[in-house]
Protein backbone atom coordinates (compact mmCIF):
# COMPACT_ATOMS: atom_id res chain seq x y z
CA MET A 1 -36.49 -77.65 38.17
CA PHE A 2 -39.76 -78.39 36.43
CA ASN A 3 -42.66 -79.15 38.74
CA SER A 4 -45.14 -81.56 37.18
CA ASN A 5 -47.88 -80.19 39.44
CA LEU A 6 -47.85 -76.94 37.46
CA ARG A 7 -47.99 -78.48 33.99
CA SER A 8 -51.17 -78.03 31.97
CA GLU A 9 -52.16 -81.14 30.08
CA THR A 10 -54.11 -81.89 26.96
CA ASP A 11 -56.69 -84.64 26.75
CA VAL A 12 -57.17 -87.14 23.92
CA SER A 13 -59.02 -84.62 21.76
CA GLY A 14 -56.18 -82.11 22.15
CA THR A 15 -58.16 -79.75 24.39
CA LEU A 16 -56.10 -78.03 27.05
CA ARG A 17 -57.10 -79.19 30.56
CA CYS A 18 -56.20 -77.96 34.04
CA GLY A 19 -54.17 -81.08 34.81
CA ALA A 20 -53.71 -80.39 38.53
CA ARG A 21 -53.06 -83.55 40.52
CA LEU A 22 -56.02 -84.66 42.58
CA ARG A 23 -55.90 -86.47 45.91
CA GLN A 24 -57.48 -89.51 44.32
CA GLY A 25 -54.47 -89.79 42.02
CA GLY A 26 -55.93 -88.51 38.76
CA THR A 27 -55.75 -85.12 37.13
CA CYS A 28 -58.32 -82.34 37.04
CA PRO A 29 -60.44 -82.57 33.86
CA LEU A 30 -61.75 -78.97 33.98
CA LEU A 31 -60.83 -76.35 31.41
CA PRO A 32 -58.32 -73.68 32.49
CA ALA A 33 -59.64 -70.21 33.29
CA ASN A 34 -59.23 -67.64 30.51
CA GLY A 35 -55.58 -66.68 30.16
CA LYS A 36 -54.53 -69.12 32.89
CA ARG A 37 -53.04 -72.60 33.06
CA ARG A 38 -55.30 -73.82 35.88
CA CYS A 39 -59.06 -73.99 36.40
CA PHE A 40 -60.84 -71.72 38.84
CA GLN A 41 -60.65 -74.40 41.56
CA HIS A 42 -56.88 -74.78 41.34
CA GLY A 43 -55.67 -71.19 41.29
CA GLY A 44 -56.76 -69.86 37.92
CA ALA A 45 -59.56 -67.71 39.28
CA ARG A 46 -59.89 -64.17 38.03
CA GLY A 47 -59.05 -61.53 40.59
CA ILE A 48 -56.47 -63.57 42.50
CA GLY A 49 -53.74 -61.41 44.00
CA PRO A 50 -53.56 -57.70 44.67
CA PRO A 51 -54.82 -55.16 42.17
CA LYS A 52 -52.28 -53.57 39.84
CA ASP A 53 -50.36 -50.70 41.43
CA SER A 54 -51.80 -51.53 44.85
CA ARG A 55 -50.30 -49.48 47.65
CA ASN A 56 -52.16 -51.28 50.43
CA ALA A 57 -49.06 -52.93 51.86
CA ARG A 58 -47.15 -49.66 52.02
CA LYS A 59 -47.79 -48.16 55.41
CA ASP A 60 -44.84 -45.93 56.13
CA GLY A 61 -42.86 -45.66 52.90
CA PHE A 62 -39.80 -47.42 54.37
CA PHE A 63 -39.13 -49.16 51.06
CA SER A 64 -39.92 -46.25 48.75
CA ARG A 65 -37.19 -45.20 46.33
CA GLU A 66 -36.73 -41.91 48.10
CA ALA A 67 -36.36 -43.52 51.53
CA ILE A 68 -33.88 -46.10 50.23
CA ALA A 69 -31.82 -43.38 48.50
CA GLU A 70 -31.80 -41.29 51.67
CA ARG A 71 -30.64 -44.23 53.78
CA ARG A 72 -27.86 -44.94 51.29
CA ARG A 73 -26.70 -41.30 51.44
CA ILE A 74 -26.72 -41.36 55.24
CA ASN A 75 -24.85 -44.68 55.37
CA GLY A 76 -22.25 -43.33 52.94
CA PHE A 77 -21.78 -40.24 55.10
CA ILE A 78 -21.37 -42.40 58.21
CA ARG A 79 -18.78 -44.56 56.41
CA GLU A 80 -16.83 -41.43 55.42
CA CYS A 81 -16.94 -40.17 59.02
CA LEU A 82 -15.70 -43.49 60.39
CA GLN A 83 -12.87 -43.55 57.85
CA THR A 84 -11.89 -40.02 58.85
CA LEU A 85 -11.81 -41.05 62.51
CA ARG A 86 -9.62 -44.05 61.63
CA ASP A 87 -7.25 -41.79 59.70
CA VAL A 88 -7.03 -39.37 62.64
CA ASP A 89 -6.31 -42.26 65.02
CA GLU A 90 -3.51 -43.46 62.73
CA MET A 91 -1.99 -39.96 62.59
CA VAL A 92 -2.13 -39.63 66.38
CA GLU A 93 -0.54 -43.06 66.79
CA ARG A 94 2.27 -42.15 64.33
CA GLU A 95 2.95 -38.86 66.16
CA ARG A 96 3.02 -40.68 69.47
CA ARG A 97 5.56 -43.19 68.14
CA GLY A 98 7.68 -40.40 66.66
CA ALA A 99 7.74 -38.45 69.94
CA GLU A 100 9.08 -41.39 71.91
């Protein structure tokens, strides 16, 4: 769905404007920041967001590729073990029925 709040607008002269909706009901007349669709006041400021390749949010490596792969291997092994236990239970149950 297209959100009209995010649309950049052009003025009468064809110049690209920020176009963010203002509380007074109009649209922002400022020019967008370089390479952005909004002016610096409405989210087009340079330096917004984390730096490229930032590892600040990674504290313990829980979501690293290696940790995810290791968890998948462990979960697969557990699934195999549970299936083996189910198979053994079925064999024991069949032997018990046959002995009766």
